Amino acid sequence: SSSSSSSSSSLSSSSPAASAAPAGPAPASGDMRFSGDLDSLPRAVLDDILACSLKRQTGVSLKYILDFGTQPLERQMLLSARFLHKELPIRLAHRLMELNNLPPLLANGTQVARVKSWYAQSFQEMRLFPTIKTSEDVAVFTKMLKDAYARHNHVVLAIAKGVEEYKRQLAGSVR
């Protein structure tokens, strides 16, 4: 359909909106659920996703993780939470753009749309979360991360189902 192809094309990384996107947090939007079509998000949220998707992801070595996590002192927990607060929206934006750049029939299928909605909700929650300054902030942020983790628990299964759905649709169109 023409709307599904316009959805994917309007979100390519060379989009003019991407270069002009603000770097600040997404505005509050009451109910953060959406259809899975990124173009249905508020423009400011979409611009924020595009801007974050253009940022480089920070590499983290296994040695760093092991060294950092051996003694979870309050200062290390604060630094870790601040790093995740900054890094996770970038990684979610990358995943959202990757999913949106799949073939339109797959990218707009019900299962992949569901995953995109989970990622977009987590992206918005993390972008709306205030700067982490105290151990109390870390505790609230950790709760939000646990909720996001639970929400994303079925991503692999949903993507697998989406690919199966896509294969069935392709097989039906060949006949």
N, C-alpha and C. Protein backbone atom coordinates (compact mmCIF):
# COMPACT_ATOMS: atom_id res chain seq x y z
N SER A 1 0.83 -1.19 0.00
CA SER A 1 0.00 0.00 0.00
C SER A 1 0.87 1.24 0.00
N SER A 2 0.36 2.34 -0.48
CA SER A 2 1.16 3.56 -0.58
C SER A 2 1.47 4.15 0.78
N SER A 3 0.58 3.99 1.76
CA SER A 3 0.85 4.56 3.08
C SER A 3 1.98 3.82 3.78
N SER A 4 2.10 2.52 3.56
CA SER A 4 3.18 1.79 4.22
C SER A 4 4.51 2.13 3.62
N SER A 5 4.59 2.37 2.33
CA SER A 5 5.88 2.73 1.75
C SER A 5 6.25 4.16 2.11
N SER A 6 5.29 5.05 2.23
CA SER A 6 5.62 6.41 2.63
C SER A 6 6.10 6.44 4.07
N SER A 7 5.59 5.56 4.91
CA SER A 7 6.02 5.50 6.30
C SER A 7 7.50 5.18 6.39
N SER A 8 7.94 4.18 5.65
CA SER A 8 9.34 3.79 5.71
C SER A 8 10.22 4.85 5.08
N SER A 9 9.80 5.41 3.95
CA SER A 9 10.65 6.36 3.26
C SER A 9 10.78 7.67 4.02
N SER A 10 9.75 8.09 4.73
CA SER A 10 9.83 9.37 5.42
C SER A 10 10.72 9.30 6.65
N LEU A 11 11.12 8.12 7.05
CA LEU A 11 11.95 7.99 8.25
C LEU A 11 13.36 7.53 7.93
N SER A 12 13.79 7.64 6.71
CA SER A 12 15.15 7.23 6.39
C SER A 12 16.10 8.19 7.08
N SER A 13 17.33 7.75 7.31
CA SER A 13 18.27 8.56 8.07
C SER A 13 18.69 9.81 7.31
N SER A 14 18.36 9.93 6.02
CA SER A 14 18.68 11.15 5.30
C SER A 14 17.53 12.14 5.30
N SER A 15 16.53 11.89 6.11
CA SER A 15 15.36 12.75 6.19
C SER A 15 15.76 14.16 6.60
N PRO A 16 15.19 15.20 5.96
CA PRO A 16 15.50 16.57 6.37
C PRO A 16 15.15 16.83 7.82
N ALA A 17 14.11 16.17 8.33
CA ALA A 17 13.72 16.36 9.73
C ALA A 17 14.82 15.88 10.67
N ALA A 18 15.58 14.87 10.23
CA ALA A 18 16.62 14.32 11.09
C ALA A 18 17.71 15.35 11.34
N SER A 19 18.08 16.13 10.34
CA SER A 19 19.15 17.09 10.53
C SER A 19 18.71 18.28 11.35
N ALA A 20 17.42 18.58 11.34
CA ALA A 20 16.91 19.73 12.08
C ALA A 20 16.30 19.34 13.42
N ALA A 21 16.42 18.08 13.79
CA ALA A 21 15.74 17.58 14.99
C ALA A 21 16.36 18.16 16.25
N PRO A 22 15.52 18.53 17.21
CA PRO A 22 16.04 19.02 18.48
C PRO A 22 16.66 17.89 19.28
N ALA A 23 17.65 18.20 20.09
CA ALA A 23 18.32 17.15 20.86
C ALA A 23 17.70 16.97 22.23
N GLY A 24 16.74 17.78 22.60
CA GLY A 24 16.15 17.72 23.93
C GLY A 24 15.18 16.57 24.10
N PRO A 25 14.68 16.39 25.30
CA PRO A 25 13.75 15.29 25.57
C PRO A 25 12.42 15.47 24.85
N ALA A 26 11.77 14.34 24.62
CA ALA A 26 10.46 14.37 23.98
C ALA A 26 9.44 14.99 24.92
N PRO A 27 8.47 15.69 24.38
CA PRO A 27 7.44 16.27 25.25
C PRO A 27 6.53 15.21 25.83
N ALA A 28 5.92 15.52 26.94
CA ALA A 28 4.98 14.59 27.55
C ALA A 28 3.80 14.40 26.62
N SER A 29 3.28 13.17 26.61
CA SER A 29 2.16 12.90 25.71
C SER A 29 1.15 11.96 26.33
N GLY A 30 0.79 12.18 27.58
CA GLY A 30 -0.25 11.39 28.22
C GLY A 30 -0.11 9.90 27.96
N ASP A 31 -0.91 9.38 27.05
CA ASP A 31 -0.89 7.97 26.69
C ASP A 31 0.18 7.76 25.63
N MET A 32 1.23 6.99 25.95
CA MET A 32 2.35 6.85 25.05
C MET A 32 2.20 5.67 24.10
N ARG A 33 1.08 4.99 24.09
CA ARG A 33 0.89 3.89 23.15
C ARG A 33 0.56 4.46 21.78
N PHE A 34 1.00 3.73 20.74
CA PHE A 34 0.67 4.16 19.39
C PHE A 34 0.57 2.94 18.52
N SER A 35 0.21 3.14 17.26
CA SER A 35 -0.14 2.04 16.37
C SER A 35 1.05 1.22 15.89
N GLY A 36 2.27 1.68 16.06
CA GLY A 36 3.43 1.00 15.51
C GLY A 36 3.93 1.69 14.26
N ASP A 37 3.15 2.63 13.72
CA ASP A 37 3.57 3.44 12.59
C ASP A 37 4.24 4.67 13.19
N LEU A 38 5.55 4.78 13.03
CA LEU A 38 6.27 5.87 13.68
C LEU A 38 5.76 7.24 13.24
N ASP A 39 5.25 7.34 12.03
CA ASP A 39 4.71 8.62 11.57
C ASP A 39 3.48 9.05 12.36
N SER A 40 2.88 8.13 13.12
CA SER A 40 1.71 8.49 13.93
C SER A 40 2.11 9.12 15.27
N LEU A 41 3.40 9.11 15.59
CA LEU A 41 3.87 9.75 16.82
C LEU A 41 3.83 11.26 16.67
N PRO A 42 3.74 11.99 17.78
CA PRO A 42 3.84 13.44 17.70
C PRO A 42 5.17 13.83 17.03
N ARG A 43 5.15 14.89 16.24
CA ARG A 43 6.32 15.30 15.45
C ARG A 43 7.57 15.48 16.33
N ALA A 44 7.40 16.07 17.51
CA ALA A 44 8.56 16.30 18.39
C ALA A 44 9.18 14.98 18.85
N VAL A 45 8.36 13.97 19.10
CA VAL A 45 8.87 12.66 19.51
C VAL A 45 9.59 12.00 18.34
N LEU A 46 8.99 12.06 17.16
CA LEU A 46 9.61 11.49 15.98
C LEU A 46 10.94 12.18 15.69
N ASP A 47 10.98 13.50 15.79
CA ASP A 47 12.23 14.23 15.58
C ASP A 47 13.29 13.81 16.60
N ASP A 48 12.86 13.59 17.84
CA ASP A 48 13.79 13.16 18.89
C ASP A 48 14.33 11.76 18.59
N ILE A 49 13.48 10.86 18.13
CA ILE A 49 13.93 9.51 17.74
C ILE A 49 14.94 9.61 16.60
N LEU A 50 14.62 10.43 15.60
CA LEU A 50 15.53 10.60 14.47
C LEU A 50 16.88 11.17 14.93
N ALA A 51 16.84 12.18 15.79
CA ALA A 51 18.09 12.78 16.28
C ALA A 51 18.92 11.76 17.06
N CYS A 52 18.27 11.00 17.92
CA CYS A 52 19.00 9.98 18.70
C CYS A 52 19.54 8.87 17.81
N SER A 53 18.81 8.54 16.75
CA SER A 53 19.27 7.47 15.86
C SER A 53 20.51 7.87 15.08
N LEU A 54 20.78 9.17 14.99
CA LEU A 54 21.97 9.65 14.30
C LEU A 54 23.20 9.70 15.20
N LYS A 55 23.00 9.53 16.50
CA LYS A 55 24.11 9.52 17.45
C LYS A 55 24.76 8.14 17.47
N ARG A 56 26.05 8.14 17.73
CA ARG A 56 26.78 6.88 17.83
C ARG A 56 26.46 6.19 19.16
N GLN A 57 26.33 4.87 19.09
CA GLN A 57 26.15 4.08 20.31
C GLN A 57 27.52 3.93 20.98
N THR A 58 27.53 3.95 22.30
CA THR A 58 28.77 3.82 23.06
C THR A 58 29.09 2.34 23.25
N GLY A 59 30.26 1.94 22.84
CA GLY A 59 30.69 0.56 23.04
C GLY A 59 31.08 0.34 24.49
N VAL A 60 30.76 -0.83 25.01
CA VAL A 60 31.10 -1.17 26.39
C VAL A 60 31.73 -2.56 26.37
N SER A 61 32.94 -2.66 26.88
CA SER A 61 33.62 -3.96 26.89
C SER A 61 33.14 -4.82 28.04
N LEU A 62 33.30 -6.12 27.90
CA LEU A 62 32.96 -7.05 28.96
C LEU A 62 33.81 -6.79 30.19
N LYS A 63 35.08 -6.48 29.99
CA LYS A 63 35.97 -6.18 31.11
C LYS A 63 35.45 -4.97 31.89
N TYR A 64 35.00 -3.93 31.18
CA TYR A 64 34.47 -2.74 31.84
C TYR A 64 33.24 -3.10 32.67
N ILE A 65 32.37 -3.90 32.10
CA ILE A 65 31.15 -4.30 32.81
C ILE A 65 31.51 -5.10 34.06
N LEU A 66 32.43 -6.04 33.92
CA LEU A 66 32.83 -6.85 35.07
C LEU A 66 33.53 -6.01 36.14
N ASP A 67 34.43 -5.13 35.71
CA ASP A 67 35.13 -4.27 36.67
C ASP A 67 34.16 -3.33 37.37
N PHE A 68 33.23 -2.79 36.62
CA PHE A 68 32.30 -1.81 37.15
C PHE A 68 31.28 -2.45 38.08
N GLY A 69 30.88 -3.68 37.77
CA GLY A 69 29.80 -4.32 38.52
C GLY A 69 30.22 -5.19 39.68
N THR A 70 31.52 -5.33 39.94
CA THR A 70 31.95 -6.22 41.01
C THR A 70 31.60 -5.68 42.39
N GLN A 71 31.68 -4.37 42.57
CA GLN A 71 31.34 -3.76 43.85
C GLN A 71 30.37 -2.61 43.60
N PRO A 72 29.07 -2.90 43.60
CA PRO A 72 28.10 -1.85 43.27
C PRO A 72 27.97 -0.79 44.37
N LEU A 73 28.95 0.09 44.42
CA LEU A 73 28.91 1.19 45.38
C LEU A 73 27.90 2.23 44.91
N GLU A 74 27.45 3.07 45.84
CA GLU A 74 26.44 4.07 45.51
C GLU A 74 26.90 4.97 44.36
N ARG A 75 28.16 5.38 44.37
CA ARG A 75 28.70 6.25 43.30
C ARG A 75 28.67 5.51 41.95
N GLN A 76 29.04 4.23 41.95
CA GLN A 76 29.03 3.46 40.70
C GLN A 76 27.60 3.26 40.19
N MET A 77 26.66 3.05 41.09
CA MET A 77 25.26 2.91 40.69
C MET A 77 24.76 4.20 40.05
N LEU A 78 25.15 5.32 40.61
CA LEU A 78 24.75 6.62 40.07
C LEU A 78 25.35 6.81 38.67
N LEU A 79 26.64 6.50 38.51
CA LEU A 79 27.28 6.63 37.20
C LEU A 79 26.66 5.69 36.18
N SER A 80 26.37 4.48 36.60
CA SER A 80 25.76 3.49 35.71
C SER A 80 24.37 3.94 35.27
N ALA A 81 23.57 4.44 36.20
CA ALA A 81 22.23 4.91 35.87
C ALA A 81 22.30 6.10 34.91
N ARG A 82 23.24 7.00 35.15
CA ARG A 82 23.39 8.16 34.25
C ARG A 82 23.80 7.70 32.85
N PHE A 83 24.71 6.73 32.78
CA PHE A 83 25.12 6.21 31.48
C PHE A 83 23.93 5.59 30.74
N LEU A 84 23.16 4.75 31.44
CA LEU A 84 22.00 4.11 30.81
C LEU A 84 20.94 5.13 30.41
N HIS A 85 20.76 6.14 31.24
CA HIS A 85 19.78 7.19 30.95
C HIS A 85 20.13 7.89 29.63
N LYS A 86 21.42 8.06 29.38
CA LYS A 86 21.88 8.71 28.16
C LYS A 86 21.92 7.73 26.99
N GLU A 87 22.36 6.52 27.23
CA GLU A 87 22.65 5.56 26.16
C GLU A 87 21.43 4.79 25.66
N LEU A 88 20.56 4.37 26.55
CA LEU A 88 19.43 3.53 26.12
C LEU A 88 18.51 4.19 25.10
N PRO A 89 18.18 5.48 25.23
CA PRO A 89 17.37 6.09 24.17
C PRO A 89 18.06 6.05 22.80
N ILE A 90 19.36 6.20 22.78
CA ILE A 90 20.11 6.13 21.52
C ILE A 90 19.97 4.73 20.93
N ARG A 91 20.15 3.72 21.75
CA ARG A 91 20.05 2.34 21.27
C ARG A 91 18.62 2.00 20.84
N LEU A 92 17.63 2.46 21.58
CA LEU A 92 16.24 2.22 21.20
C LEU A 92 15.92 2.93 19.87
N ALA A 93 16.42 4.14 19.70
CA ALA A 93 16.19 4.87 18.45
C ALA A 93 16.82 4.12 17.27
N HIS A 94 18.02 3.58 17.46
CA HIS A 94 18.65 2.77 16.40
C HIS A 94 17.78 1.57 16.06
N ARG A 95 17.28 0.86 17.07
CA ARG A 95 16.44 -0.32 16.81
C ARG A 95 15.14 0.09 16.10
N LEU A 96 14.55 1.19 16.54
CA LEU A 96 13.31 1.66 15.90
C LEU A 96 13.55 1.97 14.42
N MET A 97 14.64 2.63 14.11
CA MET A 97 14.92 2.96 12.71
C MET A 97 15.22 1.71 11.90
N GLU A 98 15.94 0.76 12.51
CA GLU A 98 16.22 -0.51 11.81
C GLU A 98 14.92 -1.24 11.50
N LEU A 99 14.04 -1.31 12.48
CA LEU A 99 12.75 -1.98 12.26
C LEU A 99 11.91 -1.24 11.21
N ASN A 100 11.96 0.07 11.26
CA ASN A 100 11.17 0.86 10.32
C ASN A 100 11.71 0.78 8.90
N ASN A 101 12.99 0.46 8.75
CA ASN A 101 13.60 0.38 7.43
C ASN A 101 13.56 -1.04 6.85
N LEU A 102 12.87 -1.94 7.50
CA LEU A 102 12.63 -3.27 6.93
C LEU A 102 11.69 -3.11 5.74
N PRO A 103 11.56 -4.14 4.90
CA PRO A 103 10.58 -4.04 3.81
C PRO A 103 9.22 -3.64 4.39
N PRO A 104 8.49 -2.74 3.72
CA PRO A 104 7.24 -2.20 4.27
C PRO A 104 6.25 -3.26 4.75
N LEU A 105 6.11 -4.35 4.03
CA LEU A 105 5.16 -5.39 4.43
C LEU A 105 5.55 -5.99 5.79
N LEU A 106 6.84 -6.11 6.05
CA LEU A 106 7.33 -6.63 7.32
C LEU A 106 7.31 -5.53 8.40
N ALA A 107 7.83 -4.35 8.06
CA ALA A 107 7.91 -3.24 9.03
C ALA A 107 6.54 -2.84 9.56
N ASN A 108 5.51 -2.97 8.74
CA ASN A 108 4.17 -2.54 9.14
C ASN A 108 3.27 -3.70 9.55
N GLY A 109 3.82 -4.91 9.61
CA GLY A 109 3.05 -6.06 10.08
C GLY A 109 2.71 -5.92 11.54
N THR A 110 1.71 -6.65 11.99
CA THR A 110 1.23 -6.48 13.36
C THR A 110 2.29 -6.78 14.42
N GLN A 111 3.09 -7.82 14.20
CA GLN A 111 4.08 -8.19 15.21
C GLN A 111 5.22 -7.17 15.31
N VAL A 112 5.76 -6.76 14.17
CA VAL A 112 6.85 -5.78 14.19
C VAL A 112 6.32 -4.43 14.69
N ALA A 113 5.10 -4.08 14.32
CA ALA A 113 4.50 -2.84 14.82
C ALA A 113 4.37 -2.89 16.35
N ARG A 114 4.05 -4.06 16.88
CA ARG A 114 3.95 -4.21 18.34
C ARG A 114 5.32 -3.94 18.98
N VAL A 115 6.38 -4.51 18.42
CA VAL A 115 7.73 -4.30 18.95
C VAL A 115 8.10 -2.81 18.86
N LYS A 116 7.80 -2.19 17.72
CA LYS A 116 8.10 -0.76 17.58
C LYS A 116 7.35 0.05 18.63
N SER A 117 6.12 -0.34 18.95
CA SER A 117 5.37 0.41 19.97
C SER A 117 6.01 0.23 21.35
N TRP A 118 6.48 -0.98 21.64
CA TRP A 118 7.18 -1.19 22.93
C TRP A 118 8.43 -0.32 23.00
N TYR A 119 9.22 -0.34 21.93
CA TYR A 119 10.46 0.44 21.92
C TYR A 119 10.17 1.93 22.00
N ALA A 120 9.15 2.40 21.29
CA ALA A 120 8.82 3.82 21.32
C ALA A 120 8.35 4.24 22.71
N GLN A 121 7.57 3.39 23.36
CA GLN A 121 7.11 3.71 24.72
C GLN A 121 8.30 3.81 25.67
N SER A 122 9.23 2.84 25.58
CA SER A 122 10.41 2.88 26.45
C SER A 122 11.27 4.09 26.13
N PHE A 123 11.42 4.41 24.85
CA PHE A 123 12.19 5.58 24.43
C PHE A 123 11.60 6.83 25.08
N GLN A 124 10.30 7.01 24.95
CA GLN A 124 9.65 8.20 25.51
C GLN A 124 9.79 8.25 27.02
N GLU A 125 9.60 7.13 27.70
CA GLU A 125 9.73 7.12 29.16
C GLU A 125 11.14 7.53 29.59
N MET A 126 12.14 7.02 28.88
CA MET A 126 13.53 7.35 29.26
C MET A 126 13.87 8.80 28.95
N ARG A 127 13.35 9.31 27.84
CA ARG A 127 13.63 10.71 27.47
C ARG A 127 12.91 11.67 28.42
N LEU A 128 11.77 11.27 28.94
CA LEU A 128 11.03 12.13 29.86
C LEU A 128 11.57 12.06 31.29
N PHE A 129 12.37 11.04 31.58
CA PHE A 129 12.89 10.87 32.93
C PHE A 129 13.88 12.01 33.22
N PRO A 130 13.75 12.66 34.37
CA PRO A 130 14.65 13.78 34.68
C PRO A 130 16.09 13.31 34.91
N THR A 131 17.00 14.26 34.92
CA THR A 131 18.41 13.98 35.17
C THR A 131 18.55 13.23 36.50
N ILE A 132 19.39 12.21 36.49
CA ILE A 132 19.58 11.38 37.68
C ILE A 132 20.65 12.03 38.55
N LYS A 133 20.24 12.42 39.76
CA LYS A 133 21.14 13.15 40.66
C LYS A 133 21.38 12.44 41.98
N THR A 134 20.42 11.63 42.43
CA THR A 134 20.50 11.04 43.78
C THR A 134 20.29 9.53 43.72
N SER A 135 20.55 8.88 44.83
CA SER A 135 20.30 7.44 44.90
C SER A 135 18.80 7.15 44.82
N GLU A 136 17.97 8.09 45.25
CA GLU A 136 16.52 7.92 45.10
C GLU A 136 16.14 7.94 43.62
N ASP A 137 16.77 8.83 42.85
CA ASP A 137 16.55 8.86 41.41
C ASP A 137 16.95 7.53 40.77
N VAL A 138 18.06 6.98 41.24
CA VAL A 138 18.53 5.69 40.72
C VAL A 138 17.48 4.61 40.98
N ALA A 139 16.90 4.61 42.17
CA ALA A 139 15.89 3.60 42.50
C ALA A 139 14.66 3.72 41.60
N VAL A 140 14.20 4.94 41.35
CA VAL A 140 13.03 5.14 40.48
C VAL A 140 13.39 4.76 39.04
N PHE A 141 14.58 5.14 38.59
CA PHE A 141 15.03 4.80 37.24
C PHE A 141 15.15 3.28 37.08
N THR A 142 15.66 2.62 38.11
CA THR A 142 15.79 1.16 38.07
C THR A 142 14.42 0.50 37.94
N LYS A 143 13.43 1.03 38.64
CA LYS A 143 12.06 0.50 38.52
C LYS A 143 11.55 0.67 37.08
N MET A 144 11.81 1.84 36.50
CA MET A 144 11.39 2.08 35.12
C MET A 144 12.09 1.09 34.17
N LEU A 145 13.37 0.83 34.40
CA LEU A 145 14.11 -0.13 33.58
C LEU A 145 13.54 -1.54 33.71
N LYS A 146 13.16 -1.91 34.93
CA LYS A 146 12.56 -3.23 35.13
C LYS A 146 11.24 -3.34 34.37
N ASP A 147 10.46 -2.29 34.37
CA ASP A 147 9.20 -2.29 33.62
C ASP A 147 9.46 -2.40 32.12
N ALA A 148 10.46 -1.67 31.63
CA ALA A 148 10.81 -1.74 30.20
C ALA A 148 11.31 -3.14 29.85
N TYR A 149 12.11 -3.71 30.73
CA TYR A 149 12.63 -5.06 30.50
C TYR A 149 11.47 -6.06 30.39
N ALA A 150 10.51 -5.94 31.28
CA ALA A 150 9.34 -6.83 31.23
C ALA A 150 8.55 -6.61 29.95
N ARG A 151 8.41 -5.36 29.53
CA ARG A 151 7.68 -5.04 28.29
C ARG A 151 8.39 -5.65 27.09
N HIS A 152 9.72 -5.65 27.10
CA HIS A 152 10.50 -6.14 25.96
C HIS A 152 10.77 -7.64 26.03
N ASN A 153 10.24 -8.29 27.02
CA ASN A 153 10.50 -9.71 27.25
C ASN A 153 10.15 -10.60 26.06
N HIS A 154 9.19 -10.19 25.24
CA HIS A 154 8.72 -11.04 24.14
C HIS A 154 9.13 -10.52 22.76
N VAL A 155 10.15 -9.67 22.71
CA VAL A 155 10.58 -9.09 21.44
C VAL A 155 11.02 -10.17 20.45
N VAL A 156 11.85 -11.09 20.88
CA VAL A 156 12.37 -12.12 19.96
C VAL A 156 11.23 -12.95 19.38
N LEU A 157 10.30 -13.37 20.23
CA LEU A 157 9.16 -14.15 19.77
C LEU A 157 8.29 -13.34 18.81
N ALA A 158 8.05 -12.07 19.13
CA ALA A 158 7.21 -11.23 18.26
C ALA A 158 7.87 -11.03 16.90
N ILE A 159 9.18 -10.81 16.89
CA ILE A 159 9.88 -10.64 15.60
C ILE A 159 9.83 -11.93 14.80
N ALA A 160 10.03 -13.07 15.47
CA ALA A 160 9.95 -14.37 14.77
C ALA A 160 8.57 -14.58 14.17
N LYS A 161 7.53 -14.26 14.93
CA LYS A 161 6.16 -14.37 14.42
C LYS A 161 5.94 -13.41 13.25
N GLY A 162 6.52 -12.22 13.35
CA GLY A 162 6.40 -11.23 12.28
C GLY A 162 7.04 -11.71 10.99
N VAL A 163 8.20 -12.37 11.11
CA VAL A 163 8.88 -12.91 9.92
C VAL A 163 8.05 -14.03 9.32
N GLU A 164 7.48 -14.88 10.16
CA GLU A 164 6.61 -15.95 9.65
C GLU A 164 5.40 -15.37 8.93
N GLU A 165 4.79 -14.38 9.52
CA GLU A 165 3.64 -13.70 8.91
C GLU A 165 4.04 -13.11 7.55
N TYR A 166 5.20 -12.50 7.50
CA TYR A 166 5.72 -11.90 6.27
C TYR A 166 5.96 -12.97 5.20
N LYS A 167 6.54 -14.09 5.60
CA LYS A 167 6.79 -15.18 4.64
C LYS A 167 5.48 -15.72 4.07
N ARG A 168 4.46 -15.85 4.92
CA ARG A 168 3.15 -16.31 4.45
C ARG A 168 2.56 -15.32 3.45
N GLN A 169 2.68 -14.04 3.74
CA GLN A 169 2.16 -13.02 2.84
C GLN A 169 2.90 -13.04 1.50
N LEU A 170 4.22 -13.22 1.55
CA LEU A 170 4.99 -13.29 0.32
C LEU A 170 4.62 -14.52 -0.50
N ALA A 171 4.45 -15.66 0.17
CA ALA A 171 4.10 -16.90 -0.50
C ALA A 171 2.71 -16.77 -1.15
N GLY A 172 1.80 -16.09 -0.47
CA GLY A 172 0.45 -15.87 -1.01
C GLY A 172 0.44 -14.96 -2.21
N SER A 173 1.38 -14.01 -2.27
CA SER A 173 1.40 -13.07 -3.39
C SER A 173 2.11 -13.64 -4.61
N VAL A 174 2.88 -14.71 -4.43
CA VAL A 174 3.61 -15.34 -5.55
C VAL A 174 2.66 -16.21 -6.37
N ARG A 175 1.67 -16.78 -5.72
CA ARG A 175 0.77 -17.70 -6.41
C ARG A 175 -0.05 -17.06 -7.46
